Amino acid sequence: MTIREKIPDGLTRRARYFVRIHGYRIPDPGVEQHRGRWLEHGIPAAEIDRAVAYQEIWGGMALPPSPHYDGGPSSLSADVPEESEAEGWWFGAGLQRTALPYAFMIGPEGGFGIHAGTWVPLHGSVAGWVGSVALADHARRCARTITTVTGEAVEALQLDGSEPVLEVAGRADTWWRRADSLVAVYRGKAECMLAPQCRTATVYSGLDEWGLKGLGV
């Protein structure tokens, strides 16, 4: 199903282009049909409304794989809300492409992240996640060299004076713009799994002005 006629609002120009060219919609029945059963199980109406709103905007959207988290969700789709007494309510954001020890979730504040007993927001919004996947695709195509470091080497990267790329609404995962490079820092898996060796950063170097900004916001 084409996605051209139904690109969500709130995306940057780059992300909209990425979704239009590379994304598509798959049939998705939605979650409104489950409202009655969920209410019977004690799920608050407001949390069901959040899941329904997510589904109406993002449901069925399939994108090319993210460079990390084994590609991200195979498609975006809401699932039954779950509660943590200490932190609030989450609901599933979409099924994994491969077997993973964590699930993709939408958090109490609307952030996109991963959950495996510990909730870690990767981005402050779903649009931030989509924007980060689009930016990774753009940077990969434009960079002259691509370097990936892991573990302690991530903390050794010199990011002082770098400009944060605000469009990705970074939380555990962030993007930074330097004079001729873009740097993507991924700490989400390390924080969720309590595995600091999983910290990863990718440096896309040799970028000109187009490579640094591209379609921008």
N, C-alpha and C. Protein backbone atom coordinates (compact mmCIF):
# COMPACT_ATOMS: atom_id res chain seq x y z
N MET A 1 0.85 -1.19 0.00
CA MET A 1 0.00 0.00 0.00
C MET A 1 0.89 1.24 0.00
N THR A 2 0.63 2.18 -0.87
CA THR A 2 1.46 3.37 -0.93
C THR A 2 1.35 4.18 0.34
N ILE A 3 2.42 4.89 0.69
CA ILE A 3 2.41 5.74 1.86
C ILE A 3 2.39 7.22 1.46
N ARG A 4 2.45 7.48 0.17
CA ARG A 4 2.60 8.85 -0.31
C ARG A 4 1.46 9.76 0.14
N GLU A 5 0.24 9.20 0.23
CA GLU A 5 -0.91 10.03 0.57
C GLU A 5 -1.10 10.17 2.07
N LYS A 6 -0.30 9.49 2.88
CA LYS A 6 -0.54 9.50 4.32
C LYS A 6 0.77 9.56 5.08
N ILE A 7 1.53 10.62 4.86
CA ILE A 7 2.77 10.83 5.61
C ILE A 7 2.43 11.63 6.85
N PRO A 8 2.79 11.14 8.04
CA PRO A 8 2.40 11.84 9.27
C PRO A 8 2.97 13.25 9.35
N ASP A 9 2.23 14.12 10.01
CA ASP A 9 2.72 15.46 10.29
C ASP A 9 3.83 15.38 11.33
N GLY A 10 4.61 16.45 11.43
CA GLY A 10 5.65 16.53 12.45
C GLY A 10 7.00 16.01 12.03
N LEU A 11 7.11 15.43 10.83
CA LEU A 11 8.39 14.95 10.34
C LEU A 11 9.14 16.08 9.65
N THR A 12 10.47 16.01 9.68
CA THR A 12 11.28 16.96 8.95
C THR A 12 11.17 16.70 7.45
N ARG A 13 11.66 17.64 6.65
CA ARG A 13 11.65 17.46 5.19
C ARG A 13 12.42 16.20 4.80
N ARG A 14 13.57 15.98 5.46
CA ARG A 14 14.35 14.79 5.14
C ARG A 14 13.57 13.53 5.46
N ALA A 15 12.96 13.49 6.65
CA ALA A 15 12.22 12.30 7.04
C ALA A 15 11.01 12.08 6.14
N ARG A 16 10.34 13.16 5.75
CA ARG A 16 9.19 13.02 4.86
C ARG A 16 9.63 12.45 3.52
N TYR A 17 10.76 12.93 3.00
CA TYR A 17 11.29 12.41 1.73
C TYR A 17 11.64 10.92 1.88
N PHE A 18 12.29 10.58 2.97
CA PHE A 18 12.69 9.19 3.22
C PHE A 18 11.46 8.28 3.28
N VAL A 19 10.44 8.71 4.02
CA VAL A 19 9.23 7.91 4.14
C VAL A 19 8.52 7.79 2.79
N ARG A 20 8.47 8.89 2.06
CA ARG A 20 7.78 8.87 0.76
C ARG A 20 8.46 7.95 -0.23
N ILE A 21 9.80 7.97 -0.25
CA ILE A 21 10.55 7.18 -1.24
C ILE A 21 10.72 5.73 -0.81
N HIS A 22 10.99 5.51 0.48
CA HIS A 22 11.38 4.17 0.93
C HIS A 22 10.34 3.46 1.81
N GLY A 23 9.35 4.19 2.30
CA GLY A 23 8.39 3.57 3.19
C GLY A 23 7.17 3.05 2.47
N TYR A 24 6.41 2.23 3.16
CA TYR A 24 5.14 1.76 2.62
C TYR A 24 4.24 1.38 3.79
N ARG A 25 2.96 1.21 3.51
CA ARG A 25 2.00 0.81 4.53
C ARG A 25 1.58 -0.64 4.28
N ILE A 26 1.50 -1.39 5.36
CA ILE A 26 0.95 -2.74 5.27
C ILE A 26 -0.43 -2.73 5.93
N PRO A 27 -1.32 -3.61 5.52
CA PRO A 27 -2.64 -3.66 6.15
C PRO A 27 -2.52 -3.89 7.65
N ASP A 28 -3.25 -3.11 8.43
CA ASP A 28 -3.19 -3.20 9.88
C ASP A 28 -4.59 -2.99 10.43
N PRO A 29 -5.13 -3.94 11.17
CA PRO A 29 -6.52 -3.83 11.61
C PRO A 29 -6.77 -2.77 12.67
N GLY A 30 -5.72 -2.27 13.30
CA GLY A 30 -5.91 -1.27 14.34
C GLY A 30 -6.24 -1.89 15.69
N VAL A 31 -6.38 -1.03 16.71
CA VAL A 31 -6.58 -1.53 18.07
C VAL A 31 -7.91 -1.09 18.68
N GLU A 32 -8.65 -0.25 18.00
CA GLU A 32 -9.94 0.20 18.54
C GLU A 32 -10.85 -0.99 18.82
N GLN A 33 -10.73 -2.03 18.01
CA GLN A 33 -11.57 -3.21 18.20
C GLN A 33 -11.35 -3.90 19.55
N HIS A 34 -10.23 -3.62 20.18
CA HIS A 34 -9.91 -4.25 21.46
C HIS A 34 -10.34 -3.42 22.66
N ARG A 35 -10.91 -2.24 22.42
CA ARG A 35 -11.19 -1.32 23.53
C ARG A 35 -12.02 -1.98 24.63
N GLY A 36 -13.12 -2.62 24.27
CA GLY A 36 -13.99 -3.21 25.27
C GLY A 36 -13.27 -4.23 26.14
N ARG A 37 -12.51 -5.11 25.51
CA ARG A 37 -11.79 -6.15 26.26
C ARG A 37 -10.71 -5.54 27.15
N TRP A 38 -10.03 -4.52 26.63
CA TRP A 38 -8.99 -3.88 27.43
C TRP A 38 -9.59 -3.15 28.63
N LEU A 39 -10.71 -2.50 28.44
CA LEU A 39 -11.38 -1.84 29.58
C LEU A 39 -11.76 -2.85 30.64
N GLU A 40 -12.23 -4.02 30.21
CA GLU A 40 -12.59 -5.07 31.16
C GLU A 40 -11.40 -5.55 31.97
N HIS A 41 -10.22 -5.43 31.38
CA HIS A 41 -9.00 -5.85 32.08
C HIS A 41 -8.37 -4.72 32.88
N GLY A 42 -9.08 -3.60 33.02
CA GLY A 42 -8.62 -2.53 33.89
C GLY A 42 -7.68 -1.52 33.25
N ILE A 43 -7.54 -1.56 31.95
CA ILE A 43 -6.68 -0.58 31.27
C ILE A 43 -7.46 0.74 31.16
N PRO A 44 -6.91 1.84 31.63
CA PRO A 44 -7.63 3.12 31.60
C PRO A 44 -7.97 3.56 30.17
N ALA A 45 -9.11 4.21 30.03
CA ALA A 45 -9.53 4.68 28.71
C ALA A 45 -8.51 5.63 28.10
N ALA A 46 -7.87 6.44 28.94
CA ALA A 46 -6.90 7.40 28.42
C ALA A 46 -5.71 6.69 27.78
N GLU A 47 -5.30 5.55 28.34
CA GLU A 47 -4.18 4.81 27.77
C GLU A 47 -4.59 4.11 26.48
N ILE A 48 -5.82 3.65 26.43
CA ILE A 48 -6.32 3.08 25.18
C ILE A 48 -6.38 4.16 24.11
N ASP A 49 -6.82 5.36 24.49
CA ASP A 49 -6.87 6.47 23.54
C ASP A 49 -5.47 6.77 22.98
N ARG A 50 -4.45 6.69 23.81
CA ARG A 50 -3.07 6.92 23.34
C ARG A 50 -2.68 5.88 22.31
N ALA A 51 -2.99 4.63 22.58
CA ALA A 51 -2.64 3.56 21.64
C ALA A 51 -3.40 3.72 20.33
N VAL A 52 -4.68 4.09 20.42
CA VAL A 52 -5.48 4.29 19.22
C VAL A 52 -4.94 5.45 18.40
N ALA A 53 -4.57 6.55 19.06
CA ALA A 53 -4.03 7.72 18.35
C ALA A 53 -2.72 7.37 17.65
N TYR A 54 -1.86 6.61 18.33
CA TYR A 54 -0.60 6.15 17.71
C TYR A 54 -0.89 5.32 16.47
N GLN A 55 -1.85 4.41 16.62
CA GLN A 55 -2.18 3.52 15.51
C GLN A 55 -2.72 4.30 14.31
N GLU A 56 -3.54 5.29 14.58
CA GLU A 56 -4.12 6.07 13.49
C GLU A 56 -3.06 6.83 12.70
N ILE A 57 -2.00 7.26 13.39
CA ILE A 57 -0.94 8.03 12.71
C ILE A 57 0.12 7.13 12.10
N TRP A 58 0.59 6.16 12.87
CA TRP A 58 1.77 5.39 12.48
C TRP A 58 1.48 3.94 12.10
N GLY A 59 0.32 3.45 12.42
CA GLY A 59 0.02 2.02 12.25
C GLY A 59 0.22 1.52 10.83
N GLY A 60 0.97 0.45 10.70
CA GLY A 60 1.23 -0.16 9.40
C GLY A 60 2.40 0.43 8.64
N MET A 61 3.05 1.47 9.19
CA MET A 61 4.20 2.05 8.49
C MET A 61 5.40 1.11 8.57
N ALA A 62 5.95 0.76 7.43
CA ALA A 62 7.14 -0.09 7.35
C ALA A 62 8.25 0.71 6.68
N LEU A 63 9.42 0.71 7.32
CA LEU A 63 10.57 1.47 6.84
C LEU A 63 11.76 0.54 6.63
N PRO A 64 12.76 0.97 5.86
CA PRO A 64 13.99 0.19 5.78
C PRO A 64 14.61 0.03 7.17
N PRO A 65 15.45 -0.97 7.36
CA PRO A 65 16.00 -1.24 8.69
C PRO A 65 16.85 -0.09 9.23
N SER A 66 16.75 0.10 10.54
CA SER A 66 17.68 0.97 11.26
C SER A 66 19.05 0.29 11.31
N PRO A 67 20.14 1.07 11.40
CA PRO A 67 21.46 0.43 11.47
C PRO A 67 21.73 -0.27 12.80
N HIS A 68 20.88 -0.08 13.79
CA HIS A 68 21.06 -0.74 15.09
C HIS A 68 19.73 -1.33 15.55
N TYR A 69 19.76 -1.99 16.71
CA TYR A 69 18.57 -2.63 17.27
C TYR A 69 18.00 -3.66 16.28
N ASP A 70 18.93 -4.33 15.59
CA ASP A 70 18.56 -5.34 14.58
C ASP A 70 17.49 -4.81 13.62
N GLY A 71 17.63 -3.56 13.27
CA GLY A 71 16.78 -2.98 12.25
C GLY A 71 15.56 -2.26 12.75
N GLY A 72 15.25 -2.36 14.06
CA GLY A 72 14.06 -1.71 14.57
C GLY A 72 12.81 -2.52 14.27
N PRO A 73 11.63 -1.95 14.55
CA PRO A 73 10.39 -2.69 14.28
C PRO A 73 10.23 -3.01 12.80
N SER A 74 9.63 -4.16 12.52
CA SER A 74 9.35 -4.51 11.13
C SER A 74 8.30 -3.57 10.54
N SER A 75 7.38 -3.15 11.37
CA SER A 75 6.43 -2.09 11.03
C SER A 75 5.92 -1.52 12.34
N LEU A 76 5.40 -0.30 12.29
CA LEU A 76 4.89 0.34 13.49
C LEU A 76 3.45 -0.08 13.72
N SER A 77 3.17 -0.50 14.94
CA SER A 77 1.82 -0.98 15.25
C SER A 77 1.64 -1.01 16.75
N ALA A 78 0.55 -0.44 17.25
CA ALA A 78 0.30 -0.40 18.69
C ALA A 78 -0.09 -1.78 19.22
N ASP A 79 0.25 -2.01 20.50
CA ASP A 79 -0.13 -3.25 21.15
C ASP A 79 -0.70 -2.91 22.52
N VAL A 80 -1.14 -3.92 23.23
CA VAL A 80 -1.85 -3.73 24.49
C VAL A 80 -1.03 -2.92 25.49
N PRO A 81 -1.61 -1.90 26.11
CA PRO A 81 -0.88 -1.12 27.14
C PRO A 81 -0.55 -1.97 28.36
N GLU A 82 0.62 -1.67 28.94
CA GLU A 82 1.10 -2.36 30.13
C GLU A 82 1.49 -1.31 31.16
N GLU A 83 1.32 -1.67 32.45
CA GLU A 83 1.56 -0.69 33.52
C GLU A 83 2.74 -1.07 34.38
N SER A 84 3.49 -0.05 34.78
CA SER A 84 4.45 -0.16 35.87
C SER A 84 3.96 0.78 36.97
N GLU A 85 3.78 0.25 38.19
CA GLU A 85 3.26 1.07 39.27
C GLU A 85 4.14 2.29 39.54
N ALA A 86 5.43 2.12 39.34
CA ALA A 86 6.35 3.21 39.64
C ALA A 86 6.45 4.24 38.52
N GLU A 87 6.26 3.81 37.26
CA GLU A 87 6.58 4.70 36.14
C GLU A 87 5.42 5.02 35.21
N GLY A 88 4.33 4.28 35.27
CA GLY A 88 3.20 4.58 34.40
C GLY A 88 2.95 3.50 33.37
N TRP A 89 2.42 3.91 32.21
CA TRP A 89 1.95 2.99 31.19
C TRP A 89 2.79 3.08 29.92
N TRP A 90 3.02 1.91 29.30
CA TRP A 90 3.64 1.80 27.98
C TRP A 90 2.71 1.01 27.08
N PHE A 91 2.96 1.08 25.80
CA PHE A 91 2.34 0.12 24.88
C PHE A 91 3.32 -0.22 23.77
N GLY A 92 3.16 -1.38 23.19
CA GLY A 92 4.07 -1.83 22.15
C GLY A 92 4.05 -0.93 20.94
N ALA A 93 5.23 -0.70 20.35
CA ALA A 93 5.35 0.19 19.19
C ALA A 93 5.42 -0.56 17.87
N GLY A 94 5.67 -1.87 17.91
CA GLY A 94 5.81 -2.65 16.69
C GLY A 94 6.65 -3.88 16.95
N LEU A 95 6.44 -4.93 16.16
CA LEU A 95 7.15 -6.18 16.35
C LEU A 95 8.59 -6.10 15.87
N GLN A 96 9.48 -6.82 16.56
CA GLN A 96 10.88 -6.90 16.15
C GLN A 96 11.02 -7.65 14.83
N ARG A 97 12.06 -7.32 14.09
CA ARG A 97 12.36 -8.05 12.85
C ARG A 97 13.00 -9.40 13.17
N THR A 98 13.73 -9.45 14.29
CA THR A 98 14.42 -10.66 14.70
C THR A 98 14.18 -10.87 16.18
N ALA A 99 14.60 -12.03 16.69
CA ALA A 99 14.46 -12.31 18.13
C ALA A 99 15.40 -11.39 18.91
N LEU A 100 14.83 -10.61 19.82
CA LEU A 100 15.59 -9.66 20.62
C LEU A 100 15.21 -9.80 22.09
N PRO A 101 16.10 -9.43 23.00
CA PRO A 101 15.77 -9.54 24.44
C PRO A 101 14.99 -8.34 24.96
N TYR A 102 14.54 -7.46 24.10
CA TYR A 102 13.78 -6.29 24.50
C TYR A 102 12.68 -6.03 23.49
N ALA A 103 11.71 -5.22 23.90
CA ALA A 103 10.59 -4.86 23.03
C ALA A 103 10.64 -3.37 22.73
N PHE A 104 10.13 -2.99 21.57
CA PHE A 104 10.00 -1.58 21.21
C PHE A 104 8.68 -1.06 21.79
N MET A 105 8.77 0.04 22.51
CA MET A 105 7.61 0.55 23.24
C MET A 105 7.48 2.06 23.08
N ILE A 106 6.25 2.54 23.33
CA ILE A 106 5.98 3.96 23.47
C ILE A 106 5.77 4.23 24.95
N GLY A 107 6.55 5.14 25.51
CA GLY A 107 6.55 5.35 26.94
C GLY A 107 5.46 6.28 27.45
N PRO A 108 5.43 6.49 28.76
CA PRO A 108 4.40 7.32 29.38
C PRO A 108 4.36 8.75 28.84
N GLU A 109 5.49 9.28 28.40
CA GLU A 109 5.55 10.65 27.88
C GLU A 109 5.55 10.71 26.36
N GLY A 110 5.32 9.58 25.71
CA GLY A 110 5.27 9.55 24.25
C GLY A 110 6.59 9.26 23.57
N GLY A 111 7.63 8.97 24.36
CA GLY A 111 8.93 8.66 23.77
C GLY A 111 8.95 7.28 23.13
N PHE A 112 9.83 7.10 22.16
CA PHE A 112 10.05 5.82 21.49
C PHE A 112 11.28 5.18 22.11
N GLY A 113 11.14 3.94 22.60
CA GLY A 113 12.30 3.33 23.23
C GLY A 113 12.21 1.83 23.28
N ILE A 114 13.05 1.24 24.14
CA ILE A 114 13.09 -0.21 24.31
C ILE A 114 12.87 -0.54 25.78
N HIS A 115 12.33 -1.74 26.01
CA HIS A 115 11.96 -2.15 27.36
C HIS A 115 12.32 -3.63 27.54
N ALA A 116 13.03 -3.90 28.63
CA ALA A 116 13.34 -5.29 28.99
C ALA A 116 13.48 -5.34 30.51
N GLY A 117 12.41 -4.98 31.20
CA GLY A 117 12.49 -4.81 32.64
C GLY A 117 12.90 -3.39 33.01
N THR A 118 13.73 -2.80 32.19
CA THR A 118 14.13 -1.40 32.32
C THR A 118 13.65 -0.65 31.09
N TRP A 119 13.02 0.50 31.31
CA TRP A 119 12.54 1.34 30.21
C TRP A 119 13.63 2.34 29.84
N VAL A 120 14.00 2.37 28.57
CA VAL A 120 14.99 3.33 28.08
C VAL A 120 14.42 4.03 26.85
N PRO A 121 14.07 5.32 26.97
CA PRO A 121 13.64 6.06 25.78
C PRO A 121 14.82 6.36 24.88
N LEU A 122 14.74 5.96 23.63
CA LEU A 122 15.80 6.25 22.66
C LEU A 122 15.62 7.65 22.09
N HIS A 123 14.37 8.02 21.83
CA HIS A 123 14.03 9.32 21.25
C HIS A 123 12.78 9.85 21.95
N GLY A 124 12.65 11.17 21.99
CA GLY A 124 11.54 11.77 22.69
C GLY A 124 10.21 11.64 21.99
N SER A 125 10.20 11.13 20.78
CA SER A 125 8.97 10.99 20.00
C SER A 125 9.16 9.94 18.93
N VAL A 126 8.06 9.48 18.37
CA VAL A 126 8.13 8.55 17.24
C VAL A 126 8.75 9.25 16.03
N ALA A 127 8.39 10.53 15.83
CA ALA A 127 8.98 11.29 14.73
C ALA A 127 10.50 11.37 14.88
N GLY A 128 10.99 11.43 16.13
CA GLY A 128 12.44 11.44 16.35
C GLY A 128 13.09 10.14 15.90
N TRP A 129 12.44 9.01 16.20
CA TRP A 129 12.95 7.72 15.74
C TRP A 129 13.00 7.66 14.22
N VAL A 130 11.90 8.03 13.57
CA VAL A 130 11.85 8.01 12.11
C VAL A 130 12.90 8.96 11.54
N GLY A 131 13.05 10.13 12.17
CA GLY A 131 14.06 11.08 11.71
C GLY A 131 15.47 10.54 11.84
N SER A 132 15.73 9.75 12.89
CA SER A 132 17.07 9.19 13.06
C SER A 132 17.37 8.13 12.01
N VAL A 133 16.37 7.32 11.67
CA VAL A 133 16.57 6.31 10.62
C VAL A 133 16.80 7.00 9.28
N ALA A 134 16.05 8.06 9.02
CA ALA A 134 16.22 8.82 7.77
C ALA A 134 17.60 9.48 7.71
N LEU A 135 18.05 10.03 8.84
CA LEU A 135 19.35 10.69 8.87
C LEU A 135 20.48 9.69 8.68
N ALA A 136 20.35 8.50 9.26
CA ALA A 136 21.36 7.46 9.06
C ALA A 136 21.47 7.07 7.60
N ASP A 137 20.34 6.96 6.93
CA ASP A 137 20.34 6.64 5.50
C ASP A 137 21.00 7.76 4.70
N HIS A 138 20.68 9.00 5.02
CA HIS A 138 21.27 10.16 4.34
C HIS A 138 22.78 10.19 4.56
N ALA A 139 23.22 10.06 5.83
CA ALA A 139 24.64 10.15 6.14
C ALA A 139 25.43 9.04 5.47
N ARG A 140 24.87 7.85 5.46
CA ARG A 140 25.56 6.71 4.83
C ARG A 140 25.79 6.96 3.35
N ARG A 141 24.81 7.58 2.69
CA ARG A 141 24.93 7.83 1.27
C ARG A 141 25.93 8.95 0.96
N CYS A 142 26.09 9.89 1.88
CA CYS A 142 26.90 11.08 1.60
C CYS A 142 28.33 11.01 2.12
N ALA A 143 28.58 10.19 3.11
CA ALA A 143 29.89 10.18 3.76
C ALA A 143 30.97 9.58 2.87
N ARG A 144 32.17 10.14 2.97
CA ARG A 144 33.32 9.56 2.28
C ARG A 144 33.88 8.39 3.08
N THR A 145 33.86 8.50 4.40
CA THR A 145 34.32 7.41 5.25
C THR A 145 33.34 7.24 6.41
N ILE A 146 33.18 6.00 6.87
CA ILE A 146 32.30 5.68 7.98
C ILE A 146 33.10 4.87 8.99
N THR A 147 33.14 5.33 10.23
CA THR A 147 33.91 4.67 11.28
C THR A 147 32.98 4.35 12.44
N THR A 148 33.05 3.13 12.94
CA THR A 148 32.24 2.73 14.09
C THR A 148 33.14 2.34 15.25
N VAL A 149 32.81 2.85 16.43
CA VAL A 149 33.55 2.50 17.65
C VAL A 149 32.55 1.97 18.67
N THR A 150 33.05 1.20 19.63
CA THR A 150 32.18 0.59 20.63
C THR A 150 32.80 0.72 22.02
N GLY A 151 31.97 0.45 23.03
CA GLY A 151 32.44 0.41 24.41
C GLY A 151 33.04 1.73 24.88
N GLU A 152 34.16 1.65 25.58
CA GLU A 152 34.81 2.83 26.14
C GLU A 152 35.22 3.84 25.08
N ALA A 153 35.49 3.37 23.87
CA ALA A 153 35.91 4.27 22.80
C ALA A 153 34.82 5.30 22.48
N VAL A 154 33.57 4.98 22.77
CA VAL A 154 32.48 5.93 22.52
C VAL A 154 32.68 7.17 23.39
N GLU A 155 33.06 6.97 24.65
CA GLU A 155 33.24 8.10 25.56
C GLU A 155 34.46 8.94 25.20
N ALA A 156 35.37 8.38 24.42
CA ALA A 156 36.58 9.11 24.03
C ALA A 156 36.35 10.03 22.84
N LEU A 157 35.21 9.93 22.20
CA LEU A 157 34.93 10.81 21.06
C LEU A 157 34.87 12.26 21.53
N GLN A 158 35.47 13.13 20.76
CA GLN A 158 35.48 14.55 21.10
C GLN A 158 34.24 15.22 20.51
N LEU A 159 33.24 15.45 21.35
CA LEU A 159 32.01 16.07 20.89
C LEU A 159 31.85 17.51 21.40
N ASP A 160 32.85 18.00 22.14
CA ASP A 160 32.79 19.39 22.61
C ASP A 160 32.71 20.33 21.41
N GLY A 161 31.78 21.24 21.45
CA GLY A 161 31.60 22.17 20.35
C GLY A 161 30.74 21.65 19.23
N SER A 162 30.34 20.37 19.30
CA SER A 162 29.46 19.81 18.28
C SER A 162 28.04 20.32 18.49
N GLU A 163 27.30 20.38 17.42
CA GLU A 163 25.91 20.85 17.47
C GLU A 163 24.98 19.65 17.56
N PRO A 164 24.11 19.58 18.59
CA PRO A 164 23.16 18.47 18.63
C PRO A 164 22.15 18.57 17.50
N VAL A 165 21.84 17.44 16.90
CA VAL A 165 20.84 17.41 15.83
C VAL A 165 19.47 17.24 16.50
N LEU A 166 18.76 18.35 16.64
CA LEU A 166 17.55 18.36 17.45
C LEU A 166 16.40 17.58 16.83
N GLU A 167 16.43 17.42 15.52
CA GLU A 167 15.30 16.77 14.85
C GLU A 167 15.07 15.34 15.30
N VAL A 168 16.10 14.69 15.85
CA VAL A 168 15.94 13.30 16.27
C VAL A 168 15.42 13.19 17.69
N ALA A 169 15.23 14.32 18.38
CA ALA A 169 14.71 14.31 19.75
C ALA A 169 15.46 13.28 20.59
N GLY A 170 16.78 13.36 20.59
CA GLY A 170 17.61 12.35 21.21
C GLY A 170 17.43 12.23 22.71
N ARG A 171 17.41 11.02 23.19
CA ARG A 171 17.43 10.71 24.61
C ARG A 171 18.65 9.83 24.87
N ALA A 172 18.48 8.51 24.90
CA ALA A 172 19.65 7.64 25.04
C ALA A 172 20.49 7.65 23.76
N ASP A 173 19.84 7.80 22.62
CA ASP A 173 20.52 7.86 21.32
C ASP A 173 20.51 9.30 20.83
N THR A 174 21.67 9.78 20.39
CA THR A 174 21.79 11.18 19.97
C THR A 174 22.58 11.28 18.67
N TRP A 175 22.38 12.40 17.97
CA TRP A 175 23.15 12.73 16.79
C TRP A 175 23.81 14.08 17.00
N TRP A 176 25.04 14.21 16.44
CA TRP A 176 25.81 15.44 16.60
C TRP A 176 26.38 15.85 15.24
N ARG A 177 26.44 17.15 15.00
CA ARG A 177 26.96 17.70 13.74
C ARG A 177 28.25 18.44 14.04
N ARG A 178 29.33 18.06 13.31
CA ARG A 178 30.63 18.74 13.45
C ARG A 178 30.98 19.42 12.13
N ALA A 179 32.18 19.93 12.01
CA ALA A 179 32.55 20.75 10.85
C ALA A 179 32.36 20.01 9.53
N ASP A 180 32.74 18.75 9.47
CA ASP A 180 32.60 18.00 8.23
C ASP A 180 32.11 16.58 8.48
N SER A 181 31.39 16.38 9.59
CA SER A 181 30.96 15.02 9.92
C SER A 181 29.68 15.03 10.75
N LEU A 182 29.02 13.90 10.74
CA LEU A 182 27.88 13.62 11.61
C LEU A 182 28.24 12.44 12.49
N VAL A 183 27.85 12.51 13.75
CA VAL A 183 28.17 11.45 14.70
C VAL A 183 26.88 10.95 15.33
N ALA A 184 26.63 9.65 15.21
CA ALA A 184 25.48 9.02 15.83
C ALA A 184 25.96 8.22 17.04
N VAL A 185 25.39 8.49 18.20
CA VAL A 185 25.78 7.80 19.43
C VAL A 185 24.59 6.99 19.93
N TYR A 186 24.79 5.68 20.10
CA TYR A 186 23.73 4.77 20.49
C TYR A 186 24.06 4.17 21.86
N ARG A 187 23.33 4.61 22.89
CA ARG A 187 23.54 4.09 24.25
C ARG A 187 22.34 3.30 24.75
N GLY A 188 21.27 3.24 23.97
CA GLY A 188 20.03 2.63 24.44
C GLY A 188 20.17 1.18 24.85
N LYS A 189 20.76 0.35 24.00
CA LYS A 189 20.90 -1.07 24.32
C LYS A 189 21.77 -1.26 25.55
N ALA A 190 22.85 -0.48 25.64
CA ALA A 190 23.75 -0.59 26.79
C ALA A 190 23.02 -0.28 28.09
N GLU A 191 22.18 0.74 28.08
CA GLU A 191 21.45 1.13 29.28
C GLU A 191 20.36 0.12 29.62
N CYS A 192 19.66 -0.35 28.60
CA CYS A 192 18.56 -1.29 28.83
C CYS A 192 19.06 -2.64 29.34
N MET A 193 20.16 -3.11 28.78
CA MET A 193 20.68 -4.43 29.11
C MET A 193 21.77 -4.39 30.18
N LEU A 194 22.06 -3.19 30.69
CA LEU A 194 23.14 -3.02 31.66
C LEU A 194 24.44 -3.63 31.11
N ALA A 195 24.72 -3.27 29.87
CA ALA A 195 25.87 -3.84 29.16
C ALA A 195 26.67 -2.71 28.50
N PRO A 196 27.56 -2.04 29.24
CA PRO A 196 28.27 -0.89 28.69
C PRO A 196 29.08 -1.19 27.45
N GLN A 197 29.45 -2.45 27.26
CA GLN A 197 30.19 -2.82 26.05
C GLN A 197 29.36 -2.65 24.79
N CYS A 198 28.03 -2.50 24.94
CA CYS A 198 27.14 -2.35 23.78
C CYS A 198 27.02 -0.90 23.31
N ARG A 199 27.66 0.04 24.01
CA ARG A 199 27.66 1.41 23.51
C ARG A 199 28.31 1.45 22.12
N THR A 200 27.71 2.19 21.23
CA THR A 200 28.19 2.25 19.86
C THR A 200 28.07 3.67 19.32
N ALA A 201 29.04 4.08 18.54
CA ALA A 201 28.96 5.37 17.86
C ALA A 201 29.46 5.19 16.43
N THR A 202 28.80 5.88 15.52
CA THR A 202 29.21 5.85 14.11
C THR A 202 29.51 7.28 13.67
N VAL A 203 30.70 7.46 13.08
CA VAL A 203 31.14 8.77 12.60
C VAL A 203 31.11 8.76 11.08
N TYR A 204 30.30 9.64 10.52
CA TYR A 204 30.19 9.79 9.07
C TYR A 204 31.01 11.02 8.68
N SER A 205 32.16 10.80 8.05
CA SER A 205 33.11 11.88 7.80
C SER A 205 33.18 12.26 6.33
N GLY A 206 33.80 13.43 6.09
CA GLY A 206 34.00 13.89 4.72
C GLY A 206 32.74 14.45 4.10
N LEU A 207 31.90 15.08 4.90
CA LEU A 207 30.62 15.59 4.40
C LEU A 207 30.76 17.06 3.98
N ASP A 208 30.15 17.40 2.85
CA ASP A 208 30.06 18.80 2.46
C ASP A 208 28.79 19.39 3.07
N GLU A 209 28.45 20.61 2.69
CA GLU A 209 27.29 21.27 3.27
C GLU A 209 26.02 20.47 3.04
N TRP A 210 25.87 19.91 1.84
CA TRP A 210 24.69 19.08 1.56
C TRP A 210 24.69 17.85 2.46
N GLY A 211 25.84 17.22 2.59
CA GLY A 211 25.91 16.04 3.42
C GLY A 211 25.60 16.33 4.88
N LEU A 212 25.99 17.52 5.35
CA LEU A 212 25.75 17.88 6.75
C LEU A 212 24.29 18.21 7.01
N LYS A 213 23.64 18.82 6.06
CA LYS A 213 22.27 19.30 6.28
C LYS A 213 21.25 18.59 5.38
N GLY A 214 21.60 18.35 4.12
CA GLY A 214 20.67 17.69 3.21
C GLY A 214 19.37 18.42 3.09
N LEU A 215 18.27 17.69 3.17
CA LEU A 215 16.95 18.31 3.09
C LEU A 215 16.59 19.04 4.38
N GLY A 216 17.37 18.79 5.45
CA GLY A 216 17.18 19.52 6.69
C GLY A 216 15.78 19.36 7.25
N VAL A 217 15.35 20.42 7.95
CA VAL A 217 14.06 20.36 8.60
C VAL A 217 12.96 20.94 7.73
